């Protein structure tokens, strides 16, 4: 997965990761599974992603949330060492999923 890191906006160092591989989207089910793999609560994920806990809960319930919030959630989970597998991606098990980085 290709990432760019942008740093420094008006003298303040900010790490912003943009996923360039065409899809920033993950599903709410993947998010919930990812949290379970890490042993995180929704509050811990919300803090790591700098989004509200209600946003995490809405996303996992299948409700609509902002694309920027989904991107922040995905980035936080990837930063914690997880990899997301898209539906239809060529894997032994098939289907969408999440796993730890090797």
PDB file of N, CA and C in Angstrom:
ATOM      1  N   UNK A   1       0.842  -1.166   0.000  1.00  0.00           N
ATOM      2  CA  UNK A   1       0.000   0.000   0.000  1.00  0.00           C
ATOM      3  C   UNK A   1       0.887   1.228   0.000  1.00  0.00           C
ATOM      4  N   UNK A   2       0.624   2.143  -0.878  1.00  0.00           N
ATOM      5  CA  UNK A   2       1.444   3.345  -0.987  1.00  0.00           C
ATOM      6  C   UNK A   2       0.835   4.452  -0.145  1.00  0.00           C
ATOM      7  N   UNK A   3       1.645   5.078   0.688  1.00  0.00           N
ATOM      8  CA  UNK A   3       1.200   6.166   1.549  1.00  0.00           C
ATOM      9  C   UNK A   3       2.092   7.374   1.327  1.00  0.00           C
ATOM     10  N   UNK A   4       1.517   8.567   1.489  1.00  0.00           N
ATOM     11  CA  UNK A   4       2.345   9.764   1.474  1.00  0.00           C
ATOM     12  C   UNK A   4       2.201  10.384   2.854  1.00  0.00           C
ATOM     13  N   UNK A   5       3.253  10.973   3.321  1.00  0.00           N
ATOM     14  CA  UNK A   5       3.203  11.660   4.598  1.00  0.00           C
ATOM     15  C   UNK A   5       3.431  13.141   4.343  1.00  0.00           C
ATOM     16  N   UNK A   6       2.457  13.941   4.755  1.00  0.00           N
ATOM     17  CA  UNK A   6       2.561  15.391   4.623  1.00  0.00           C
ATOM     18  C   UNK A   6       2.855  15.941   6.014  1.00  0.00           C
ATOM     19  N   UNK A   7       3.839  16.803   6.109  1.00  0.00           N
ATOM     20  CA  UNK A   7       4.210  17.330   7.411  1.00  0.00           C
ATOM     21  C   UNK A   7       4.288  18.845   7.341  1.00  0.00           C
ATOM     22  N   UNK A   8       3.865  19.473   8.410  1.00  0.00           N
ATOM     23  CA  UNK A   8       3.982  20.903   8.634  1.00  0.00           C
ATOM     24  C   UNK A   8       2.948  21.727   7.881  1.00  0.00           C
ATOM     25  N   UNK A   9       1.981  22.159   8.616  1.00  0.00           N
ATOM     26  CA  UNK A   9       0.972  23.096   8.118  1.00  0.00           C
ATOM     27  C   UNK A   9       1.063  24.304   9.038  1.00  0.00           C
ATOM     28  N   UNK A  10       1.456  25.428   8.494  1.00  0.00           N
ATOM     29  CA  UNK A  10       1.647  26.667   9.251  1.00  0.00           C
ATOM     30  C   UNK A  10       2.578  26.456  10.441  1.00  0.00           C
ATOM     31  N   UNK A  11       3.663  25.697  10.228  1.00  0.00           N
ATOM     32  CA  UNK A  11       4.656  25.516  11.275  1.00  0.00           C
ATOM     33  C   UNK A  11       4.329  24.446  12.301  1.00  0.00           C
ATOM     34  N   UNK A  12       3.144  23.847  12.209  1.00  0.00           N
ATOM     35  CA  UNK A  12       2.760  22.803  13.159  1.00  0.00           C
ATOM     36  C   UNK A  12       2.926  21.467  12.456  1.00  0.00           C
ATOM     37  N   UNK A  13       3.695  20.562  13.027  1.00  0.00           N
ATOM     38  CA  UNK A  13       3.898  19.253  12.412  1.00  0.00           C
ATOM     39  C   UNK A  13       2.637  18.407  12.488  1.00  0.00           C
ATOM     40  N   UNK A  14       2.123  18.013  11.348  1.00  0.00           N
ATOM     41  CA  UNK A  14       0.924  17.177  11.294  1.00  0.00           C
ATOM     42  C   UNK A  14       1.238  15.990  10.403  1.00  0.00           C
ATOM     43  N   UNK A  15       0.963  14.794  10.857  1.00  0.00           N
ATOM     44  CA  UNK A  15       1.115  13.606  10.023  1.00  0.00           C
ATOM     45  C   UNK A  15      -0.242  13.264   9.430  1.00  0.00           C
ATOM     46  N   UNK A  16      -0.336  13.363   8.134  1.00  0.00           N
ATOM     47  CA  UNK A  16      -1.581  13.054   7.434  1.00  0.00           C
ATOM     48  C   UNK A  16      -1.272  11.987   6.416  1.00  0.00           C
ATOM     49  N   UNK A  17      -1.898  10.832   6.544  1.00  0.00           N
ATOM     50  CA  UNK A  17      -1.643   9.746   5.619  1.00  0.00           C
ATOM     51  C   UNK A  17      -2.789   9.651   4.630  1.00  0.00           C
ATOM     52  N   UNK A  18      -2.437   9.654   3.370  1.00  0.00           N
ATOM     53  CA  UNK A  18      -3.414   9.506   2.312  1.00  0.00           C
ATOM     54  C   UNK A  18      -3.181   8.189   1.616  1.00  0.00           C
ATOM     55  N   UNK A  19      -4.184   7.396   1.531  1.00  0.00           N
ATOM     56  CA  UNK A  19      -4.052   6.114   0.876  1.00  0.00           C
ATOM     57  C   UNK A  19      -4.297   6.327  -0.607  1.00  0.00           C
ATOM     58  N   UNK A  20      -3.322   5.925  -1.421  1.00  0.00           N
ATOM     59  CA  UNK A  20      -3.364   6.208  -2.847  1.00  0.00           C
ATOM     60  C   UNK A  20      -3.689   4.999  -3.707  1.00  0.00           C
ATOM     61  N   UNK A  21      -4.009   3.886  -3.095  1.00  0.00           N
ATOM     62  CA  UNK A  21      -4.216   2.694  -3.895  1.00  0.00           C
ATOM     63  C   UNK A  21      -5.630   2.600  -4.456  1.00  0.00           C
ATOM     64  N   UNK A  22      -6.381   3.660  -4.449  1.00  0.00           N
ATOM     65  CA  UNK A  22      -7.678   3.680  -5.089  1.00  0.00           C
ATOM     66  C   UNK A  22      -8.852   3.533  -4.153  1.00  0.00           C
ATOM     67  N   UNK A  23      -8.669   2.977  -2.982  1.00  0.00           N
ATOM     68  CA  UNK A  23      -9.803   2.777  -2.096  1.00  0.00           C
ATOM     69  C   UNK A  23      -9.419   3.081  -0.665  1.00  0.00           C
ATOM     70  N   UNK A  24     -10.073   4.074  -0.092  1.00  0.00           N
ATOM     71  CA  UNK A  24      -9.857   4.379   1.315  1.00  0.00           C
ATOM     72  C   UNK A  24     -10.904   3.675   2.160  1.00  0.00           C
ATOM     73  N   UNK A  25     -11.861   3.025   1.544  1.00  0.00           N
ATOM     74  CA  UNK A  25     -13.002   2.508   2.258  1.00  0.00           C
ATOM     75  C   UNK A  25     -12.751   1.146   2.881  1.00  0.00           C
ATOM     76  N   UNK A  26     -13.229   0.994   4.090  1.00  0.00           N
ATOM     77  CA  UNK A  26     -13.326  -0.306   4.736  1.00  0.00           C
ATOM     78  C   UNK A  26     -14.765  -0.416   5.210  1.00  0.00           C
ATOM     79  N   UNK A  27     -15.193  -1.601   5.551  1.00  0.00           N
ATOM     80  CA  UNK A  27     -16.569  -1.770   6.028  1.00  0.00           C
ATOM     81  C   UNK A  27     -16.617  -1.657   7.549  1.00  0.00           C
ATOM     82  N   UNK A  28     -17.812  -1.424   8.064  1.00  0.00           N
ATOM     83  CA  UNK A  28     -18.005  -1.392   9.504  1.00  0.00           C
ATOM     84  C   UNK A  28     -17.665  -2.730  10.146  1.00  0.00           C
ATOM     85  N   UNK A  29     -17.949  -3.826   9.436  1.00  0.00           N
ATOM     86  CA  UNK A  29     -17.625  -5.158   9.948  1.00  0.00           C
ATOM     87  C   UNK A  29     -16.111  -5.341  10.041  1.00  0.00           C
ATOM     88  N   UNK A  30     -15.383  -4.839   9.038  1.00  0.00           N
ATOM     89  CA  UNK A  30     -13.916  -4.917   9.098  1.00  0.00           C
ATOM     90  C   UNK A  30     -13.391  -4.100  10.272  1.00  0.00           C
ATOM     91  N   UNK A  31     -13.995  -2.955  10.497  1.00  0.00           N
ATOM     92  CA  UNK A  31     -13.571  -2.092  11.606  1.00  0.00           C
ATOM     93  C   UNK A  31     -13.777  -2.807  12.935  1.00  0.00           C
ATOM     94  N   UNK A  32     -14.933  -3.405  13.104  1.00  0.00           N
ATOM     95  CA  UNK A  32     -15.237  -4.127  14.336  1.00  0.00           C
ATOM     96  C   UNK A  32     -14.283  -5.305  14.535  1.00  0.00           C
ATOM     97  N   UNK A  33     -14.015  -6.054  13.465  1.00  0.00           N
ATOM     98  CA  UNK A  33     -13.075  -7.179  13.536  1.00  0.00           C
ATOM     99  C   UNK A  33     -11.670  -6.692  13.866  1.00  0.00           C
ATOM    100  N   UNK A  34     -11.286  -5.562  13.287  1.00  0.00           N
ATOM    101  CA  UNK A  34      -9.961  -4.995  13.537  1.00  0.00           C
ATOM    102  C   UNK A  34      -9.810  -4.615  15.005  1.00  0.00           C
ATOM    103  N   UNK A  35     -10.832  -4.001  15.550  1.00  0.00           N
ATOM    104  CA  UNK A  35     -10.784  -3.645  16.979  1.00  0.00           C
ATOM    105  C   UNK A  35     -10.635  -4.889  17.841  1.00  0.00           C
ATOM    106  N   UNK A  36     -11.372  -5.946  17.466  1.00  0.00           N
ATOM    107  CA  UNK A  36     -11.302  -7.195  18.230  1.00  0.00           C
ATOM    108  C   UNK A  36      -9.893  -7.794  18.176  1.00  0.00           C
ATOM    109  N   UNK A  37      -9.268  -7.753  16.988  1.00  0.00           N
ATOM    110  CA  UNK A  37      -7.897  -8.259  16.861  1.00  0.00           C
ATOM    111  C   UNK A  37      -6.935  -7.521  17.783  1.00  0.00           C
ATOM    112  N   UNK A  38      -7.149  -6.228  17.910  1.00  0.00           N
ATOM    113  CA  UNK A  38      -6.265  -5.401  18.734  1.00  0.00           C
ATOM    114  C   UNK A  38      -6.660  -5.393  20.207  1.00  0.00           C
ATOM    115  N   UNK A  39      -7.882  -5.844  20.499  1.00  0.00           N
ATOM    116  CA  UNK A  39      -8.370  -5.775  21.874  1.00  0.00           C
ATOM    117  C   UNK A  39      -8.722  -4.364  22.301  1.00  0.00           C
ATOM    118  N   UNK A  40      -9.087  -3.518  21.307  1.00  0.00           N
ATOM    119  CA  UNK A  40      -9.412  -2.115  21.569  1.00  0.00           C
ATOM    120  C   UNK A  40     -10.902  -1.931  21.801  1.00  0.00           C
ATOM    121  N   UNK A  41     -11.244  -0.974  22.646  1.00  0.00           N
ATOM    122  CA  UNK A  41     -12.624  -0.522  22.786  1.00  0.00           C
ATOM    123  C   UNK A  41     -12.902   0.516  21.702  1.00  0.00           C
ATOM    124  N   UNK A  42     -14.182   0.845  21.528  1.00  0.00           N
ATOM    125  CA  UNK A  42     -14.505   1.889  20.557  1.00  0.00           C
ATOM    126  C   UNK A  42     -13.912   3.231  20.993  1.00  0.00           C
ATOM    127  N   UNK A  43     -13.812   3.448  22.290  1.00  0.00           N
ATOM    128  CA  UNK A  43     -13.211   4.692  22.800  1.00  0.00           C
ATOM    129  C   UNK A  43     -11.718   4.754  22.460  1.00  0.00           C
ATOM    130  N   UNK A  44     -11.018   3.623  22.563  1.00  0.00           N
ATOM    131  CA  UNK A  44      -9.589   3.602  22.228  1.00  0.00           C
ATOM    132  C   UNK A  44      -9.372   3.860  20.744  1.00  0.00           C
ATOM    133  N   UNK A  45     -10.209   3.270  19.890  1.00  0.00           N
ATOM    134  CA  UNK A  45     -10.086   3.521  18.456  1.00  0.00           C
ATOM    135  C   UNK A  45     -10.410   4.971  18.142  1.00  0.00           C
ATOM    136  N   UNK A  46     -11.454   5.496  18.748  1.00  0.00           N
ATOM    137  CA  UNK A  46     -11.824   6.893  18.516  1.00  0.00           C
ATOM    138  C   UNK A  46     -10.671   7.827  18.867  1.00  0.00           C
ATOM    139  N   UNK A  47     -10.012   7.561  19.981  1.00  0.00           N
ATOM    140  CA  UNK A  47      -8.873   8.393  20.386  1.00  0.00           C
ATOM    141  C   UNK A  47      -7.724   8.269  19.389  1.00  0.00           C
ATOM    142  N   UNK A  48      -7.412   7.040  18.986  1.00  0.00           N
ATOM    143  CA  UNK A  48      -6.301   6.816  18.045  1.00  0.00           C
ATOM    144  C   UNK A  48      -6.573   7.463  16.693  1.00  0.00           C
ATOM    145  N   UNK A  49      -7.843   7.507  16.286  1.00  0.00           N
ATOM    146  CA  UNK A  49      -8.215   8.060  14.982  1.00  0.00           C
ATOM    147  C   UNK A  49      -8.603   9.534  15.053  1.00  0.00           C
ATOM    148  N   UNK A  50      -8.653  10.095  16.235  1.00  0.00           N
ATOM    149  CA  UNK A  50      -9.082  11.487  16.443  1.00  0.00           C
ATOM    150  C   UNK A  50     -10.482  11.739  15.874  1.00  0.00           C
ATOM    151  N   UNK A  51     -11.377  10.795  16.149  1.00  0.00           N
ATOM    152  CA  UNK A  51     -12.791  10.953  15.795  1.00  0.00           C
ATOM    153  C   UNK A  51     -13.597  10.689  17.061  1.00  0.00           C
ATOM    154  N   UNK A  52     -14.877  11.003  17.029  1.00  0.00           N
ATOM    155  CA  UNK A  52     -15.725  10.755  18.183  1.00  0.00           C
ATOM    156  C   UNK A  52     -16.054   9.275  18.341  1.00  0.00           C
ATOM    157  N   UNK A  53     -16.276   8.867  19.584  1.00  0.00           N
ATOM    158  CA  UNK A  53     -16.659   7.480  19.836  1.00  0.00           C
ATOM    159  C   UNK A  53     -17.986   7.163  19.150  1.00  0.00           C
ATOM    160  N   UNK A  54     -18.893   8.121  19.104  1.00  0.00           N
ATOM    161  CA  UNK A  54     -20.175   7.911  18.424  1.00  0.00           C
ATOM    162  C   UNK A  54     -19.964   7.646  16.936  1.00  0.00           C
ATOM    163  N   UNK A  55     -18.950   8.266  16.342  1.00  0.00           N
ATOM    164  CA  UNK A  55     -18.636   8.037  14.926  1.00  0.00           C
ATOM    165  C   UNK A  55     -18.215   6.592  14.712  1.00  0.00           C
ATOM    166  N   UNK A  56     -17.361   6.083  15.578  1.00  0.00           N
ATOM    167  CA  UNK A  56     -16.919   4.683  15.475  1.00  0.00           C
ATOM    168  C   UNK A  56     -18.128   3.760  15.601  1.00  0.00           C
ATOM    169  N   UNK A  57     -18.975   3.997  16.583  1.00  0.00           N
ATOM    170  CA  UNK A  57     -20.139   3.146  16.809  1.00  0.00           C
ATOM    171  C   UNK A  57     -21.109   3.197  15.625  1.00  0.00           C
ATOM    172  N   UNK A  58     -21.339   4.402  15.083  1.00  0.00           N
ATOM    173  CA  UNK A  58     -22.234   4.530  13.914  1.00  0.00           C
ATOM    174  C   UNK A  58     -21.660   3.783  12.722  1.00  0.00           C
ATOM    175  N   UNK A  59     -20.358   3.937  12.495  1.00  0.00           N
ATOM    176  CA  UNK A  59     -19.707   3.280  11.366  1.00  0.00           C
ATOM    177  C   UNK A  59     -19.823   1.761  11.489  1.00  0.00           C
ATOM    178  N   UNK A  60     -19.527   1.228  12.657  1.00  0.00           N
ATOM    179  CA  UNK A  60     -19.601  -0.210  12.852  1.00  0.00           C
ATOM    180  C   UNK A  60     -21.028  -0.740  12.751  1.00  0.00           C
ATOM    181  N   UNK A  61     -22.014   0.112  13.043  1.00  0.00           N
ATOM    182  CA  UNK A  61     -23.418  -0.283  12.940  1.00  0.00           C
ATOM    183  C   UNK A  61     -23.932  -0.214  11.505  1.00  0.00           C
ATOM    184  N   UNK A  62     -23.091   0.297  10.597  1.00  0.00           N
ATOM    185  CA  UNK A  62     -23.488   0.377   9.195  1.00  0.00           C
ATOM    186  C   UNK A  62     -24.094   1.703   8.788  1.00  0.00           C
ATOM    187  N   UNK A  63     -24.072   2.662   9.701  1.00  0.00           N
ATOM    188  CA  UNK A  63     -24.585   3.993   9.376  1.00  0.00           C
ATOM    189  C   UNK A  63     -23.543   4.790   8.602  1.00  0.00           C
ATOM    190  N   UNK A  64     -23.992   5.815   7.928  1.00  0.00           N
ATOM    191  CA  UNK A  64     -23.115   6.642   7.110  1.00  0.00           C
ATOM    192  C   UNK A  64     -22.264   7.564   7.995  1.00  0.00           C
ATOM    193  N   UNK A  65     -20.973   7.618   7.694  1.00  0.00           N
ATOM    194  CA  UNK A  65     -20.065   8.571   8.340  1.00  0.00           C
ATOM    195  C   UNK A  65     -19.215   9.217   7.252  1.00  0.00           C
ATOM    196  N   UNK A  66     -18.595  10.315   7.575  1.00  0.00           N
ATOM    197  CA  UNK A  66     -17.776  11.036   6.593  1.00  0.00           C
ATOM    198  C   UNK A  66     -16.612  10.191   6.096  1.00  0.00           C
ATOM    199  N   UNK A  67     -16.286  10.358   4.823  1.00  0.00           N
ATOM    200  CA  UNK A  67     -15.147   9.646   4.235  1.00  0.00           C
ATOM    201  C   UNK A  67     -13.852   9.957   4.977  1.00  0.00           C
ATOM    202  N   UNK A  68     -13.712  11.191   5.434  1.00  0.00           N
ATOM    203  CA  UNK A  68     -12.493  11.558   6.166  1.00  0.00           C
ATOM    204  C   UNK A  68     -12.401  10.792   7.484  1.00  0.00           C
ATOM    205  N   UNK A  69     -13.544  10.540   8.113  1.00  0.00           N
ATOM    206  CA  UNK A  69     -13.557   9.765   9.355  1.00  0.00           C
ATOM    207  C   UNK A  69     -13.172   8.317   9.092  1.00  0.00           C
ATOM    208  N   UNK A  70     -13.713   7.742   8.010  1.00  0.00           N
ATOM    209  CA  UNK A  70     -13.357   6.361   7.649  1.00  0.00           C
ATOM    210  C   UNK A  70     -11.861   6.275   7.361  1.00  0.00           C
ATOM    211  N   UNK A  71     -11.331   7.244   6.645  1.00  0.00           N
ATOM    212  CA  UNK A  71      -9.898   7.270   6.351  1.00  0.00           C
ATOM    213  C   UNK A  71      -9.063   7.364   7.614  1.00  0.00           C
ATOM    214  N   UNK A  72      -9.502   8.172   8.572  1.00  0.00           N
ATOM    215  CA  UNK A  72      -8.776   8.319   9.836  1.00  0.00           C
ATOM    216  C   UNK A  72      -8.831   7.029  10.651  1.00  0.00           C
ATOM    217  N   UNK A  73      -9.985   6.377  10.642  1.00  0.00           N
ATOM    218  CA  UNK A  73     -10.138   5.101  11.356  1.00  0.00           C
ATOM    219  C   UNK A  73      -9.229   4.050  10.733  1.00  0.00           C
ATOM    220  N   UNK A  74      -9.269   3.964   9.408  1.00  0.00           N
ATOM    221  CA  UNK A  74      -8.427   2.974   8.721  1.00  0.00           C
ATOM    222  C   UNK A  74      -6.945   3.245   8.990  1.00  0.00           C
ATOM    223  N   UNK A  75      -6.537   4.500   8.909  1.00  0.00           N
ATOM    224  CA  UNK A  75      -5.131   4.853   9.136  1.00  0.00           C
ATOM    225  C   UNK A  75      -4.695   4.479  10.548  1.00  0.00           C
ATOM    226  N   UNK A  76      -5.554   4.712  11.539  1.00  0.00           N
ATOM    227  CA  UNK A  76      -5.215   4.371  12.925  1.00  0.00           C
ATOM    228  C   UNK A  76      -5.049   2.868  13.094  1.00  0.00           C
ATOM    229  N   UNK A  77      -5.926   2.099  12.459  1.00  0.00           N
ATOM    230  CA  UNK A  77      -5.843   0.641  12.557  1.00  0.00           C
ATOM    231  C   UNK A  77      -4.626   0.100  11.814  1.00  0.00           C
ATOM    232  N   UNK A  78      -4.310   0.697  10.681  1.00  0.00           N
ATOM    233  CA  UNK A  78      -3.107   0.281   9.950  1.00  0.00           C
ATOM    234  C   UNK A  78      -1.846   0.659  10.716  1.00  0.00           C
ATOM    235  N   UNK A  79      -1.865   1.805  11.352  1.00  0.00           N
ATOM    236  CA  UNK A  79      -0.734   2.244  12.177  1.00  0.00           C
ATOM    237  C   UNK A  79      -0.500   1.258  13.327  1.00  0.00           C
ATOM    238  N   UNK A  80      -1.581   0.630  13.778  1.00  0.00           N
ATOM    239  CA  UNK A  80      -1.498  -0.357  14.866  1.00  0.00           C
ATOM    240  C   UNK A  80      -1.062  -1.729  14.357  1.00  0.00           C
ATOM    241  N   UNK A  81      -0.829  -1.854  13.044  1.00  0.00           N
ATOM    242  CA  UNK A  81      -0.272  -3.091  12.515  1.00  0.00           C
ATOM    243  C   UNK A  81      -1.231  -4.004  11.774  1.00  0.00           C
ATOM    244  N   UNK A  82      -2.372  -3.473  11.332  1.00  0.00           N
ATOM    245  CA  UNK A  82      -3.334  -4.308  10.624  1.00  0.00           C
ATOM    246  C   UNK A  82      -3.339  -4.028   9.126  1.00  0.00           C
ATOM    247  N   UNK A  83      -3.753  -5.023   8.360  1.00  0.00           N
ATOM    248  CA  UNK A  83      -3.898  -4.921   6.905  1.00  0.00           C
ATOM    249  C   UNK A  83      -5.338  -5.284   6.559  1.00  0.00           C
ATOM    250  N   UNK A  84      -5.939  -4.508   5.678  1.00  0.00           N
ATOM    251  CA  UNK A  84      -7.310  -4.782   5.245  1.00  0.00           C
ATOM    252  C   UNK A  84      -7.308  -5.483   3.895  1.00  0.00           C
ATOM    253  N   UNK A  85      -8.204  -6.443   3.759  1.00  0.00           N
ATOM    254  CA  UNK A  85      -8.344  -7.214   2.529  1.00  0.00           C
ATOM    255  C   UNK A  85      -9.703  -6.858   1.923  1.00  0.00           C
ATOM    256  N   UNK A  86      -9.684  -6.380   0.690  1.00  0.00           N
ATOM    257  CA  UNK A  86     -10.919  -5.976   0.011  1.00  0.00           C
ATOM    258  C   UNK A  86     -11.701  -7.187  -0.465  1.00  0.00           C
ATOM    259  N   UNK A  87     -13.006  -7.042  -0.559  1.00  0.00           N
ATOM    260  CA  UNK A  87     -13.846  -8.092  -1.127  1.00  0.00           C
ATOM    261  C   UNK A  87     -13.390  -8.344  -2.561  1.00  0.00           C
ATOM    262  N   UNK A  88     -13.247  -9.591  -2.918  1.00  0.00           N
ATOM    263  CA  UNK A  88     -12.819  -9.933  -4.266  1.00  0.00           C
ATOM    264  C   UNK A  88     -11.320  -9.931  -4.469  1.00  0.00           C
ATOM    265  N   UNK A  89     -10.571  -9.495  -3.456  1.00  0.00           N
ATOM    266  CA  UNK A  89      -9.111  -9.501  -3.564  1.00  0.00           C
ATOM    267  C   UNK A  89      -8.638 -10.950  -3.566  1.00  0.00           C
ATOM    268  N   UNK A  90      -7.596 -11.236  -4.289  1.00  0.00           N
ATOM    269  CA  UNK A  90      -7.104 -12.596  -4.434  1.00  0.00           C
ATOM    270  C   UNK A  90      -6.439 -13.060  -3.141  1.00  0.00           C
ATOM    271  N   UNK A  91      -7.196 -13.803  -2.335  1.00  0.00           N
ATOM    272  CA  UNK A  91      -6.664 -14.358  -1.087  1.00  0.00           C
ATOM    273  C   UNK A  91      -7.089 -15.816  -0.982  1.00  0.00           C
ATOM    274  N   UNK A  92      -6.410 -16.559  -0.150  1.00  0.00           N
ATOM    275  CA  UNK A  92      -6.729 -17.976   0.027  1.00  0.00           C
ATOM    276  C   UNK A  92      -8.148 -18.160   0.574  1.00  0.00           C
ATOM    277  N   UNK A  93      -8.547 -17.305   1.520  1.00  0.00           N
ATOM    278  CA  UNK A  93      -9.854 -17.451   2.148  1.00  0.00           C
ATOM    279  C   UNK A  93     -10.959 -16.743   1.371  1.00  0.00           C
ATOM    280  N   UNK A  94     -10.615 -15.752   0.546  1.00  0.00           N
ATOM    281  CA  UNK A  94     -11.615 -14.987  -0.197  1.00  0.00           C
ATOM    282  C   UNK A  94     -12.392 -14.043   0.703  1.00  0.00           C
ATOM    283  N   UNK A  95     -13.098 -13.115   0.096  1.00  0.00           N
ATOM    284  CA  UNK A  95     -13.920 -12.172   0.838  1.00  0.00           C
ATOM    285  C   UNK A  95     -13.130 -11.095   1.552  1.00  0.00           C
ATOM    286  N   UNK A  96     -13.863 -10.085   2.042  1.00  0.00           N
ATOM    287  CA  UNK A  96     -13.194  -8.999   2.749  1.00  0.00           C
ATOM    288  C   UNK A  96     -12.771  -9.465   4.130  1.00  0.00           C
ATOM    289  N   UNK A  97     -11.750  -8.814   4.639  1.00  0.00           N
ATOM    290  CA  UNK A  97     -11.271  -9.190   5.961  1.00  0.00           C
ATOM    291  C   UNK A  97     -10.217  -8.250   6.480  1.00  0.00           C
ATOM    292  N   UNK A  98      -9.587  -8.660   7.550  1.00  0.00           N
ATOM    293  CA  UNK A  98      -8.520  -7.895   8.183  1.00  0.00           C
ATOM    294  C   UNK A  98      -7.578  -8.896   8.838  1.00  0.00           C
ATOM    295  N   UNK A  99      -6.299  -8.578   8.831  1.00  0.00           N
ATOM    296  CA  UNK A  99      -5.305  -9.439   9.486  1.00  0.00           C
ATOM    297  C   UNK A  99      -4.151  -8.586   9.970  1.00  0.00           C
ATOM    298  N   UNK A 100      -3.346  -9.201  10.817  1.00  0.00           N
ATOM    299  CA  UNK A 100      -2.143  -8.509  11.298  1.00  0.00           C
ATOM    300  C   UNK A 100      -1.094  -8.510  10.199  1.00  0.00           C
ATOM    301  N   UNK A 101      -0.249  -7.483  10.168  1.00  0.00           N
ATOM    302  CA  UNK A 101       0.855  -7.462   9.216  1.00  0.00           C
ATOM    303  C   UNK A 101       1.817  -8.573   9.561  1.00  0.00           C
ATOM    304  N   UNK A 102       2.411  -9.164   8.530  1.00  0.00           N
ATOM    305  CA  UNK A 102       3.361 -10.269   8.749  1.00  0.00           C
ATOM    306  C   UNK A 102       4.653  -9.764   9.347  1.00  0.00           C
TER     307      UNK A 102
END
